[in-house]
Amino acid sequence: MANIKNPLFSFEARNSIGQAITFTKRRGQNIAEIKPVVPDQKTPPQIEQRSNFTDCIEDWRALSAATKKIWERVATPHHMTGYAWFMRDCLLTPAPPPPPPVEDTFYPALDGFAGHSEPGLTWAQIVNAAGNTHDDDDQFSQMVDIWNYDCPNNFRFNTRGILIFDTTSIPAVDTIVGATLRLYLIYQLDNLVCAPDICVYSANPANNNVLVNADYRACGNVPWATALPYASWVLNGFNDLVFVQAGLDGITKEGLTKLSVRNANYDVAEELDPGNHKPNCVASKDSYFYAYMVEKGNPFRPELVVSHIPG
């Protein structure tokens, strides 16, 4: 049946006459061409792919409503439907794909630092001191601050960052497969010329809503992340501390995740091996890493980004 717009023999004829001739315009030229017929070769790969497509549709229909919502959540940032994202993965794998990891970003319920300030202590003494200062309500805080007093052996200040994240939304049956702590660095300095690094550790502060001085000694010494060396610190930007397996295991599902940020190559090293990891001595100078805290608000507050596979 003819399906022509405008007179057949005019310059603006369009569309097709049955399955025979198509009138169109291409590159400014009016064209009448034989309508192409694409034969169905039914090759083995075609047949296999059609079968796979049918199987994937059935696999999608078999998913629970909750699992379909997970696919929708993962697909939305890519401007695709959950069904389209599932079909893409399904057709690329010989078996029905498992649910993709869900990525959640958490912000601190509490953050700040605990430290010890006392002029004239040796480095070993200040590392193992009880703690006599803290702060948990400023817009920025020193995650690491090593301050020398006078040479050759006296120090006056050391700090450890502490952060608590509410990760109760992660179901207990989920498997955590990745995590990153992101800190926005606003001040950095290395007057001691000692190239301090930073790393993530566990924490067990006395309270969930306020810090106290004694939390200085409530910080772990087993790395939860790969240490970030001073040379890799990014001023006026986010610094990412990528978790290792110990850190992934330390994230509390359906609860509060408590962690600390410490200097690894002097603070933690001295705690584990006393007397052998004193920073350089430059009288009345310090080396530090200051980061924005949750009080600063978006887009600068600390982030704990967690990837987990639904159970």
C-alpha atoms as a PDB file:
ATOM      1  CA  MET A   1       0.000   0.000   0.000  1.00  0.00           C
ATOM      2  CA  ALA A   2       1.273   3.486  -0.877  1.00  0.00           C
ATOM      3  CA  ASN A   3       2.268   5.654   2.066  1.00  0.00           C
ATOM      4  CA  ILE A   4       3.442   8.801   0.280  1.00  0.00           C
ATOM      5  CA  LYS A   5       3.574  12.323   1.625  1.00  0.00           C
ATOM      6  CA  ASN A   6       3.259  15.003  -1.084  1.00  0.00           C
ATOM      7  CA  PRO A   7       2.667  14.150  -4.776  1.00  0.00           C
ATOM      8  CA  LEU A   8       4.504  11.090  -6.045  1.00  0.00           C
ATOM      9  CA  PHE A   9       6.322  12.877  -8.861  1.00  0.00           C
ATOM     10  CA  SER A  10       6.976  16.097  -6.956  1.00  0.00           C
ATOM     11  CA  PHE A  11      10.341  17.096  -5.536  1.00  0.00           C
ATOM     12  CA  GLU A  12       9.154  16.444  -1.980  1.00  0.00           C
ATOM     13  CA  ALA A  13       7.749  12.924  -2.191  1.00  0.00           C
ATOM     14  CA  ARG A  14       8.533  10.919   0.941  1.00  0.00           C
ATOM     15  CA  ASN A  15       8.076   7.413   2.427  1.00  0.00           C
ATOM     16  CA  SER A  16       7.419   4.123   0.650  1.00  0.00           C
ATOM     17  CA  ILE A  17       5.230   2.422  -1.883  1.00  0.00           C
ATOM     18  CA  GLY A  18       4.598  -0.982  -0.356  1.00  0.00           C
ATOM     19  CA  GLN A  19       7.860  -2.878  -0.019  1.00  0.00           C
ATOM     20  CA  ALA A  20       9.150  -1.675  -3.386  1.00  0.00           C
ATOM     21  CA  ILE A  21      10.312   1.937  -3.525  1.00  0.00           C
ATOM     22  CA  THR A  22      11.246   4.464  -0.851  1.00  0.00           C
ATOM     23  CA  PHE A  23      11.312   8.204  -1.503  1.00  0.00           C
ATOM     24  CA  THR A  24      13.643  10.163   0.747  1.00  0.00           C
ATOM     25  CA  LYS A  25      16.025  13.103   0.894  1.00  0.00           C
ATOM     26  CA  ARG A  26      19.702  12.604   1.628  1.00  0.00           C
ATOM     27  CA  ARG A  27      22.453  15.250   1.581  1.00  0.00           C
ATOM     28  CA  GLY A  28      20.122  17.690  -0.138  1.00  0.00           C
ATOM     29  CA  GLN A  29      19.224  15.187  -2.898  1.00  0.00           C
ATOM     30  CA  ASN A  30      15.760  13.751  -3.497  1.00  0.00           C
ATOM     31  CA  ILE A  31      16.147  10.014  -3.928  1.00  0.00           C
ATOM     32  CA  ALA A  32      13.899   7.133  -5.010  1.00  0.00           C
ATOM     33  CA  GLU A  33      15.481   3.817  -4.059  1.00  0.00           C
ATOM     34  CA  ILE A  34      14.571   0.182  -3.805  1.00  0.00           C
ATOM     35  CA  LYS A  35      13.584  -0.545  -0.246  1.00  0.00           C
ATOM     36  CA  PRO A  36      16.312  -2.777   1.178  1.00  0.00           C
ATOM     37  CA  VAL A  37      15.388  -6.220   2.387  1.00  0.00           C
ATOM     38  CA  VAL A  38      17.561  -7.608   5.164  1.00  0.00           C
ATOM     39  CA  PRO A  39      17.458 -11.369   5.034  1.00  0.00           C
ATOM     40  CA  ASP A  40      17.266 -13.345   8.251  1.00  0.00           C
ATOM     41  CA  GLN A  41      20.299 -15.560   7.861  1.00  0.00           C
ATOM     42  CA  LYS A  42      19.511 -17.495  11.043  1.00  0.00           C
ATOM     43  CA  THR A  43      23.183 -18.127  11.621  1.00  0.00           C
ATOM     44  CA  PRO A  44      24.160 -20.090  14.754  1.00  0.00           C
ATOM     45  CA  PRO A  45      25.401 -16.906  16.534  1.00  0.00           C
ATOM     46  CA  GLN A  46      22.118 -15.135  15.726  1.00  0.00           C
ATOM     47  CA  ILE A  47      20.083 -18.041  17.015  1.00  0.00           C
ATOM     48  CA  GLU A  48      22.207 -18.269  20.163  1.00  0.00           C
ATOM     49  CA  GLN A  49      21.884 -14.546  20.875  1.00  0.00           C
ATOM     50  CA  ARG A  50      18.104 -14.658  20.416  1.00  0.00           C
ATOM     51  CA  SER A  51      17.940 -17.561  22.821  1.00  0.00           C
ATOM     52  CA  ASN A  52      20.104 -15.679  25.314  1.00  0.00           C
ATOM     53  CA  PHE A  53      17.878 -12.645  24.990  1.00  0.00           C
ATOM     54  CA  THR A  54      14.801 -14.721  25.757  1.00  0.00           C
ATOM     55  CA  ASP A  55      16.544 -16.332  28.733  1.00  0.00           C
ATOM     56  CA  CYS A  56      17.589 -12.926  30.087  1.00  0.00           C
ATOM     57  CA  ILE A  57      14.009 -11.674  29.878  1.00  0.00           C
ATOM     58  CA  GLU A  58      12.894 -14.674  31.926  1.00  0.00           C
ATOM     59  CA  ASP A  59      15.722 -14.080  34.416  1.00  0.00           C
ATOM     60  CA  TRP A  60      14.565 -10.473  34.855  1.00  0.00           C
ATOM     61  CA  ARG A  61      10.973 -11.553  35.413  1.00  0.00           C
ATOM     62  CA  ALA A  62      12.160 -13.997  38.067  1.00  0.00           C
ATOM     63  CA  LEU A  63      13.859 -11.289  40.137  1.00  0.00           C
ATOM     64  CA  SER A  64      12.196 -10.070  43.299  1.00  0.00           C
ATOM     65  CA  ALA A  65      10.821  -6.539  43.425  1.00  0.00           C
ATOM     66  CA  ALA A  66      13.560  -5.577  45.889  1.00  0.00           C
ATOM     67  CA  THR A  67      16.311  -6.811  43.567  1.00  0.00           C
ATOM     68  CA  LYS A  68      14.782  -4.979  40.613  1.00  0.00           C
ATOM     69  CA  LYS A  69      14.904  -1.783  42.679  1.00  0.00           C
ATOM     70  CA  ILE A  70      18.642  -2.345  43.201  1.00  0.00           C
ATOM     71  CA  TRP A  71      19.167  -2.576  39.437  1.00  0.00           C
ATOM     72  CA  GLU A  72      17.095   0.601  38.986  1.00  0.00           C
ATOM     73  CA  ARG A  73      19.190   2.403  41.579  1.00  0.00           C
ATOM     74  CA  VAL A  74      22.454   1.428  39.916  1.00  0.00           C
ATOM     75  CA  ALA A  75      21.217   2.221  36.390  1.00  0.00           C
ATOM     76  CA  THR A  76      19.711   5.647  37.062  1.00  0.00           C
ATOM     77  CA  PRO A  77      23.044   7.565  37.168  1.00  0.00           C
ATOM     78  CA  HIS A  78      23.773   6.103  33.709  1.00  0.00           C
ATOM     79  CA  HIS A  79      20.426   7.328  32.326  1.00  0.00           C
ATOM     80  CA  MET A  80      19.211   3.778  31.826  1.00  0.00           C
ATOM     81  CA  THR A  81      16.396   1.719  33.284  1.00  0.00           C
ATOM     82  CA  GLY A  82      17.136  -1.134  35.641  1.00  0.00           C
ATOM     83  CA  TYR A  83      15.812  -3.542  33.022  1.00  0.00           C
ATOM     84  CA  ALA A  84      18.161  -2.194  30.336  1.00  0.00           C
ATOM     85  CA  TRP A  85      21.159  -2.340  32.701  1.00  0.00           C
ATOM     86  CA  PHE A  86      20.299  -5.900  33.691  1.00  0.00           C
ATOM     87  CA  MET A  87      19.882  -7.001  30.069  1.00  0.00           C
ATOM     88  CA  ARG A  88      23.223  -5.428  29.165  1.00  0.00           C
ATOM     89  CA  ASP A  89      25.019  -7.394  31.884  1.00  0.00           C
ATOM     90  CA  CYS A  90      23.024 -10.546  31.259  1.00  0.00           C
ATOM     91  CA  LEU A  91      23.849 -10.669  27.544  1.00  0.00           C
ATOM     92  CA  LEU A  92      27.550 -10.280  28.331  1.00  0.00           C
ATOM     93  CA  THR A  93      27.668 -13.184  30.762  1.00  0.00           C
ATOM     94  CA  PRO A  94      26.810 -16.861  30.349  1.00  0.00           C
ATOM     95  CA  ALA A  95      24.724 -16.924  33.519  1.00  0.00           C
ATOM     96  CA  PRO A  96      22.262 -14.493  35.143  1.00  0.00           C
ATOM     97  CA  PRO A  97      24.372 -11.639  36.569  1.00  0.00           C
ATOM     98  CA  PRO A  98      24.391 -11.116  40.331  1.00  0.00           C
ATOM     99  CA  PRO A  99      23.026  -7.819  41.620  1.00  0.00           C
ATOM    100  CA  PRO A 100      25.596  -5.075  41.073  1.00  0.00           C
ATOM    101  CA  PRO A 101      27.205  -3.416  44.103  1.00  0.00           C
ATOM    102  CA  VAL A 102      25.245  -0.595  45.661  1.00  0.00           C
ATOM    103  CA  GLU A 103      27.276   2.508  46.469  1.00  0.00           C
ATOM    104  CA  ASP A 104      26.252   4.623  49.458  1.00  0.00           C
ATOM    105  CA  THR A 105      27.847   7.808  50.739  1.00  0.00           C
ATOM    106  CA  PHE A 106      27.765   8.494  54.469  1.00  0.00           C
ATOM    107  CA  TYR A 107      28.564  11.697  56.348  1.00  0.00           C
ATOM    108  CA  PRO A 108      29.844  11.940  59.923  1.00  0.00           C
ATOM    109  CA  ALA A 109      27.468  11.886  62.854  1.00  0.00           C
ATOM    110  CA  LEU A 110      30.456  13.112  64.875  1.00  0.00           C
ATOM    111  CA  ASP A 111      33.949  14.234  63.898  1.00  0.00           C
ATOM    112  CA  GLY A 112      36.919  16.107  65.304  1.00  0.00           C
ATOM    113  CA  PHE A 113      40.232  15.325  66.977  1.00  0.00           C
ATOM    114  CA  ALA A 114      41.703  14.250  70.285  1.00  0.00           C
ATOM    115  CA  GLY A 115      45.270  15.095  71.186  1.00  0.00           C
ATOM    116  CA  HIS A 116      47.890  15.655  73.820  1.00  0.00           C
ATOM    117  CA  SER A 117      49.558  19.018  74.365  1.00  0.00           C
ATOM    118  CA  GLU A 118      52.415  19.248  76.862  1.00  0.00           C
ATOM    119  CA  PRO A 119      55.760  20.949  76.175  1.00  0.00           C
ATOM    120  CA  GLY A 120      58.957  19.058  76.830  1.00  0.00           C
ATOM    121  CA  LEU A 121      57.882  15.447  76.291  1.00  0.00           C
ATOM    122  CA  THR A 122      59.871  12.961  74.275  1.00  0.00           C
ATOM    123  CA  TRP A 123      58.175  11.626  71.179  1.00  0.00           C
ATOM    124  CA  ALA A 124      57.564   8.253  72.845  1.00  0.00           C
ATOM    125  CA  GLN A 125      55.972  10.011  75.830  1.00  0.00           C
ATOM    126  CA  ILE A 126      53.621  12.148  73.757  1.00  0.00           C
ATOM    127  CA  VAL A 127      52.568   9.197  71.588  1.00  0.00           C
ATOM    128  CA  ASN A 128      51.645   7.199  74.681  1.00  0.00           C
ATOM    129  CA  ALA A 129      50.224  10.086  76.749  1.00  0.00           C
ATOM    130  CA  ALA A 130      46.684  10.046  78.138  1.00  0.00           C
ATOM    131  CA  GLY A 131      45.297  12.876  76.011  1.00  0.00           C
ATOM    132  CA  ASN A 132      44.387  16.295  77.392  1.00  0.00           C
ATOM    133  CA  THR A 133      42.665  18.170  74.567  1.00  0.00           C
ATOM    134  CA  HIS A 134      39.962  17.628  71.964  1.00  0.00           C
ATOM    135  CA  ASP A 135      37.564  19.414  69.633  1.00  0.00           C
ATOM    136  CA  ASP A 136      34.403  18.183  67.915  1.00  0.00           C
ATOM    137  CA  ASP A 137      32.404  21.243  66.828  1.00  0.00           C
ATOM    138  CA  ASP A 138      34.576  23.297  64.459  1.00  0.00           C
ATOM    139  CA  GLN A 139      34.257  23.522  60.683  1.00  0.00           C
ATOM    140  CA  PHE A 140      37.790  22.178  60.280  1.00  0.00           C
ATOM    141  CA  SER A 141      40.117  20.062  62.367  1.00  0.00           C
ATOM    142  CA  GLN A 142      43.669  18.744  62.388  1.00  0.00           C
ATOM    143  CA  MET A 143      43.595  15.068  61.516  1.00  0.00           C
ATOM    144  CA  VAL A 144      47.364  15.025  61.992  1.00  0.00           C
ATOM    145  CA  ASP A 145      49.437  17.684  63.754  1.00  0.00           C
ATOM    146  CA  ILE A 146      52.962  16.937  65.022  1.00  0.00           C
ATOM    147  CA  TRP A 147      54.496  19.878  66.857  1.00  0.00           C
ATOM    148  CA  ASN A 148      58.078  20.095  68.038  1.00  0.00           C
ATOM    149  CA  TYR A 149      59.037  22.092  71.172  1.00  0.00           C
ATOM    150  CA  ASP A 150      62.802  22.297  71.253  1.00  0.00           C
ATOM    151  CA  CYS A 151      65.668  20.183  70.027  1.00  0.00           C
ATOM    152  CA  PRO A 152      66.899  17.597  70.119  1.00  0.00           C
ATOM    153  CA  ASN A 153      64.203  15.456  71.740  1.00  0.00           C
ATOM    154  CA  ASN A 154      61.289  17.506  73.065  1.00  0.00           C
ATOM    155  CA  PHE A 155      57.800  17.661  71.530  1.00  0.00           C
ATOM    156  CA  ARG A 156      54.646  19.468  72.602  1.00  0.00           C
ATOM    157  CA  PHE A 157      51.625  18.338  70.527  1.00  0.00           C
ATOM    158  CA  ASN A 158      50.166  15.395  68.633  1.00  0.00           C
ATOM    159  CA  THR A 159      46.631  14.811  67.346  1.00  0.00           C
ATOM    160  CA  ARG A 160      44.456  12.013  65.998  1.00  0.00           C
ATOM    161  CA  GLY A 161      41.263  12.501  63.995  1.00  0.00           C
ATOM    162  CA  ILE A 162      38.129  10.611  65.035  1.00  0.00           C
ATOM    163  CA  LEU A 163      34.990  10.185  62.926  1.00  0.00           C
ATOM    164  CA  ILE A 164      31.739   8.279  63.502  1.00  0.00           C
ATOM    165  CA  PHE A 165      29.446   7.374  60.593  1.00  0.00           C
ATOM    166  CA  ASP A 166      25.908   6.018  60.861  1.00  0.00           C
ATOM    167  CA  THR A 167      25.988   2.997  58.554  1.00  0.00           C
ATOM    168  CA  THR A 168      22.812   1.368  59.859  1.00  0.00           C
ATOM    169  CA  SER A 169      21.293   1.392  56.364  1.00  0.00           C
ATOM    170  CA  ILE A 170      23.717  -1.321  55.192  1.00  0.00           C
ATOM    171  CA  PRO A 171      21.873  -4.646  55.696  1.00  0.00           C
ATOM    172  CA  ALA A 172      23.624  -7.274  57.770  1.00  0.00           C
ATOM    173  CA  VAL A 173      23.335  -9.796  54.917  1.00  0.00           C
ATOM    174  CA  ASP A 174      25.202  -7.571  52.443  1.00  0.00           C
ATOM    175  CA  THR A 175      28.849  -8.076  51.497  1.00  0.00           C
ATOM    176  CA  ILE A 176      31.026  -4.966  51.635  1.00  0.00           C
ATOM    177  CA  VAL A 177      33.395  -4.962  48.664  1.00  0.00           C
ATOM    178  CA  GLY A 178      34.874  -1.463  48.730  1.00  0.00           C
ATOM    179  CA  ALA A 179      35.147   1.688  50.825  1.00  0.00           C
ATOM    180  CA  THR A 180      36.924   5.041  50.704  1.00  0.00           C
ATOM    181  CA  LEU A 181      37.249   7.778  53.312  1.00  0.00           C
ATOM    182  CA  ARG A 182      37.360  11.175  51.603  1.00  0.00           C
ATOM    183  CA  LEU A 183      38.773  14.203  53.448  1.00  0.00           C
ATOM    184  CA  TYR A 184      38.853  17.726  52.038  1.00  0.00           C
ATOM    185  CA  LEU A 185      42.283  19.168  52.822  1.00  0.00           C
ATOM    186  CA  ILE A 186      42.368  22.922  53.503  1.00  0.00           C
ATOM    187  CA  TYR A 187      45.720  23.418  55.274  1.00  0.00           C
ATOM    188  CA  GLN A 188      48.915  21.430  54.969  1.00  0.00           C
ATOM    189  CA  LEU A 189      52.458  22.145  56.041  1.00  0.00           C
ATOM    190  CA  ASP A 190      55.640  20.206  56.699  1.00  0.00           C
ATOM    191  CA  ASN A 191      57.881  22.561  58.664  1.00  0.00           C
ATOM    192  CA  LEU A 192      59.503  19.545  60.303  1.00  0.00           C
ATOM    193  CA  VAL A 193      60.563  18.279  56.871  1.00  0.00           C
ATOM    194  CA  CYS A 194      59.525  14.785  57.879  1.00  0.00           C
ATOM    195  CA  ALA A 195      56.937  14.004  55.135  1.00  0.00           C
ATOM    196  CA  PRO A 196      54.181  12.687  57.426  1.00  0.00           C
ATOM    197  CA  ASP A 197      51.554  10.423  55.931  1.00  0.00           C
ATOM    198  CA  ILE A 198      47.963   9.729  57.010  1.00  0.00           C
ATOM    199  CA  CYS A 199      46.048   6.479  57.321  1.00  0.00           C
ATOM    200  CA  VAL A 200      42.752   5.133  58.662  1.00  0.00           C
ATOM    201  CA  TYR A 201      42.435   2.997  61.788  1.00  0.00           C
ATOM    202  CA  SER A 202      39.718   1.800  64.125  1.00  0.00           C
ATOM    203  CA  ALA A 203      38.453   3.945  66.979  1.00  0.00           C
ATOM    204  CA  ASN A 204      36.518   3.302  70.163  1.00  0.00           C
ATOM    205  CA  PRO A 205      35.595   6.711  71.585  1.00  0.00           C
ATOM    206  CA  ALA A 206      33.887   6.893  74.958  1.00  0.00           C
ATOM    207  CA  ASN A 207      30.706   8.409  73.488  1.00  0.00           C
ATOM    208  CA  ASN A 208      28.801   8.477  70.224  1.00  0.00           C
ATOM    209  CA  ASN A 209      27.819  12.156  70.388  1.00  0.00           C
ATOM    210  CA  VAL A 210      30.827  13.976  71.912  1.00  0.00           C
ATOM    211  CA  LEU A 211      34.575  13.452  72.028  1.00  0.00           C
ATOM    212  CA  VAL A 212      36.651  13.548  75.213  1.00  0.00           C
ATOM    213  CA  ASN A 213      40.359  13.966  75.874  1.00  0.00           C
ATOM    214  CA  ALA A 214      40.863  10.282  76.618  1.00  0.00           C
ATOM    215  CA  ASP A 215      39.731   9.350  73.101  1.00  0.00           C
ATOM    216  CA  TYR A 216      43.317  10.131  72.106  1.00  0.00           C
ATOM    217  CA  ARG A 217      44.183   6.656  73.403  1.00  0.00           C
ATOM    218  CA  ALA A 218      41.096   5.030  71.862  1.00  0.00           C
ATOM    219  CA  CYS A 219      42.559   4.787  68.358  1.00  0.00           C
ATOM    220  CA  GLY A 220      43.699   1.530  66.779  1.00  0.00           C
ATOM    221  CA  ASN A 221      47.023   0.769  65.120  1.00  0.00           C
ATOM    222  CA  VAL A 222      46.047  -1.805  62.466  1.00  0.00           C
ATOM    223  CA  PRO A 223      45.723  -0.048  59.082  1.00  0.00           C
ATOM    224  CA  TRP A 224      42.224   0.109  57.633  1.00  0.00           C
ATOM    225  CA  ALA A 225      43.422   1.773  54.434  1.00  0.00           C
ATOM    226  CA  THR A 226      46.458   2.329  52.270  1.00  0.00           C
ATOM    227  CA  ALA A 227      48.472   5.169  53.807  1.00  0.00           C
ATOM    228  CA  LEU A 228      48.483   8.421  51.849  1.00  0.00           C
ATOM    229  CA  PRO A 229      52.029   9.886  51.687  1.00  0.00           C
ATOM    230  CA  TYR A 230      52.635  13.598  52.109  1.00  0.00           C
ATOM    231  CA  ALA A 231      53.679  13.940  48.469  1.00  0.00           C
ATOM    232  CA  SER A 232      50.217  12.759  47.402  1.00  0.00           C
ATOM    233  CA  TRP A 233      48.189  15.156  49.561  1.00  0.00           C
ATOM    234  CA  VAL A 234      45.886  17.361  47.489  1.00  0.00           C
ATOM    235  CA  LEU A 235      45.384  20.863  48.881  1.00  0.00           C
ATOM    236  CA  ASN A 236      41.905  22.360  48.411  1.00  0.00           C
ATOM    237  CA  GLY A 237      40.498  19.041  47.270  1.00  0.00           C
ATOM    238  CA  PHE A 238      39.392  15.647  48.460  1.00  0.00           C
ATOM    239  CA  ASN A 239      42.046  13.175  49.552  1.00  0.00           C
ATOM    240  CA  ASP A 240      40.944   9.568  49.180  1.00  0.00           C
ATOM    241  CA  LEU A 241      41.980   6.874  51.651  1.00  0.00           C
ATOM    242  CA  VAL A 242      41.104   3.534  50.055  1.00  0.00           C
ATOM    243  CA  PHE A 243      40.229   0.769  52.497  1.00  0.00           C
ATOM    244  CA  VAL A 244      42.020  -2.555  52.644  1.00  0.00           C
ATOM    245  CA  GLN A 245      40.306  -5.750  53.810  1.00  0.00           C
ATOM    246  CA  ALA A 246      40.762  -4.951  57.510  1.00  0.00           C
ATOM    247  CA  GLY A 247      38.898  -1.693  56.940  1.00  0.00           C
ATOM    248  CA  LEU A 248      36.109  -3.371  54.980  1.00  0.00           C
ATOM    249  CA  ASP A 249      35.719  -5.860  57.828  1.00  0.00           C
ATOM    250  CA  GLY A 250      35.645  -2.954  60.294  1.00  0.00           C
ATOM    251  CA  ILE A 251      32.626  -1.224  58.745  1.00  0.00           C
ATOM    252  CA  THR A 252      29.626  -1.877  60.956  1.00  0.00           C
ATOM    253  CA  LYS A 253      26.524  -2.984  59.099  1.00  0.00           C
ATOM    254  CA  GLU A 254      23.272  -1.885  60.750  1.00  0.00           C
ATOM    255  CA  GLY A 255      25.245   0.201  63.239  1.00  0.00           C
ATOM    256  CA  LEU A 256      27.852   2.927  63.750  1.00  0.00           C
ATOM    257  CA  THR A 257      31.226   2.804  62.041  1.00  0.00           C
ATOM    258  CA  LYS A 258      33.918   4.428  64.190  1.00  0.00           C
ATOM    259  CA  LEU A 259      37.327   5.207  62.776  1.00  0.00           C
ATOM    260  CA  SER A 260      40.395   7.309  63.413  1.00  0.00           C
ATOM    261  CA  VAL A 261      42.854   9.118  61.165  1.00  0.00           C
ATOM    262  CA  ARG A 262      46.457   8.957  62.342  1.00  0.00           C
ATOM    263  CA  ASN A 263      49.947   9.578  61.116  1.00  0.00           C
ATOM    264  CA  ALA A 264      51.377   6.165  60.263  1.00  0.00           C
ATOM    265  CA  ASN A 265      55.104   6.673  59.770  1.00  0.00           C
ATOM    266  CA  TYR A 266      55.766   8.400  63.136  1.00  0.00           C
ATOM    267  CA  ASP A 267      52.755   8.196  65.465  1.00  0.00           C
ATOM    268  CA  VAL A 268      51.632   4.619  64.843  1.00  0.00           C
ATOM    269  CA  ALA A 269      55.153   3.417  64.084  1.00  0.00           C
ATOM    270  CA  GLU A 270      56.390   4.740  67.449  1.00  0.00           C
ATOM    271  CA  GLU A 271      53.520   3.059  69.264  1.00  0.00           C
ATOM    272  CA  LEU A 272      54.353  -0.294  67.677  1.00  0.00           C
ATOM    273  CA  ASP A 273      58.129   0.071  67.839  1.00  0.00           C
ATOM    274  CA  PRO A 274      58.998   2.492  70.697  1.00  0.00           C
ATOM    275  CA  GLY A 275      62.082   4.651  70.496  1.00  0.00           C
ATOM    276  CA  ASN A 276      62.779   4.311  66.787  1.00  0.00           C
ATOM    277  CA  HIS A 277      60.424   6.664  64.918  1.00  0.00           C
ATOM    278  CA  LYS A 278      60.959  10.215  66.139  1.00  0.00           C
ATOM    279  CA  PRO A 279      60.187  12.951  63.563  1.00  0.00           C
ATOM    280  CA  ASN A 280      62.815  15.505  62.590  1.00  0.00           C
ATOM    281  CA  CYS A 281      63.522  18.264  65.083  1.00  0.00           C
ATOM    282  CA  VAL A 282      62.808  21.867  64.085  1.00  0.00           C
ATOM    283  CA  ALA A 283      62.196  23.937  67.220  1.00  0.00           C
ATOM    284  CA  SER A 284      58.670  25.372  67.625  1.00  0.00           C
ATOM    285  CA  LYS A 285      57.549  24.115  64.199  1.00  0.00           C
ATOM    286  CA  ASP A 286      54.944  21.567  63.174  1.00  0.00           C
ATOM    287  CA  SER A 287      53.681  19.423  60.307  1.00  0.00           C
ATOM    288  CA  TYR A 288      49.931  19.019  59.823  1.00  0.00           C
ATOM    289  CA  PHE A 289      46.887  17.976  57.789  1.00  0.00           C
ATOM    290  CA  TYR A 290      43.741  20.057  58.410  1.00  0.00           C
ATOM    291  CA  ALA A 291      40.458  18.912  56.866  1.00  0.00           C
ATOM    292  CA  TYR A 292      36.939  20.257  56.763  1.00  0.00           C
ATOM    293  CA  MET A 293      34.495  18.622  59.166  1.00  0.00           C
ATOM    294  CA  VAL A 294      30.761  17.900  58.891  1.00  0.00           C
ATOM    295  CA  GLU A 295      29.960  21.351  60.308  1.00  0.00           C
ATOM    296  CA  LYS A 296      31.256  22.882  57.054  1.00  0.00           C
ATOM    297  CA  GLY A 297      28.461  21.217  55.094  1.00  0.00           C
ATOM    298  CA  ASN A 298      28.332  20.277  51.428  1.00  0.00           C
ATOM    299  CA  PRO A 299      30.360  19.846  49.346  1.00  0.00           C
ATOM    300  CA  PHE A 300      33.299  19.841  51.762  1.00  0.00           C
ATOM    301  CA  ARG A 301      32.325  17.552  54.634  1.00  0.00           C
ATOM    302  CA  PRO A 302      34.032  14.157  55.064  1.00  0.00           C
ATOM    303  CA  GLU A 303      32.576  11.236  53.143  1.00  0.00           C
ATOM    304  CA  LEU A 304      32.647   7.497  53.706  1.00  0.00           C
ATOM    305  CA  VAL A 305      31.783   5.875  50.382  1.00  0.00           C
ATOM    306  CA  VAL A 306      30.856   2.197  50.749  1.00  0.00           C
ATOM    307  CA  SER A 307      30.151  -0.357  47.978  1.00  0.00           C
ATOM    308  CA  HIS A 308      28.187  -3.413  49.057  1.00  0.00           C
ATOM    309  CA  ILE A 309      26.535  -6.333  47.285  1.00  0.00           C
ATOM    310  CA  PRO A 310      23.002  -7.156  48.472  1.00  0.00           C
ATOM    311  CA  GLY A 311      22.713 -10.469  50.269  1.00  0.00           C
END
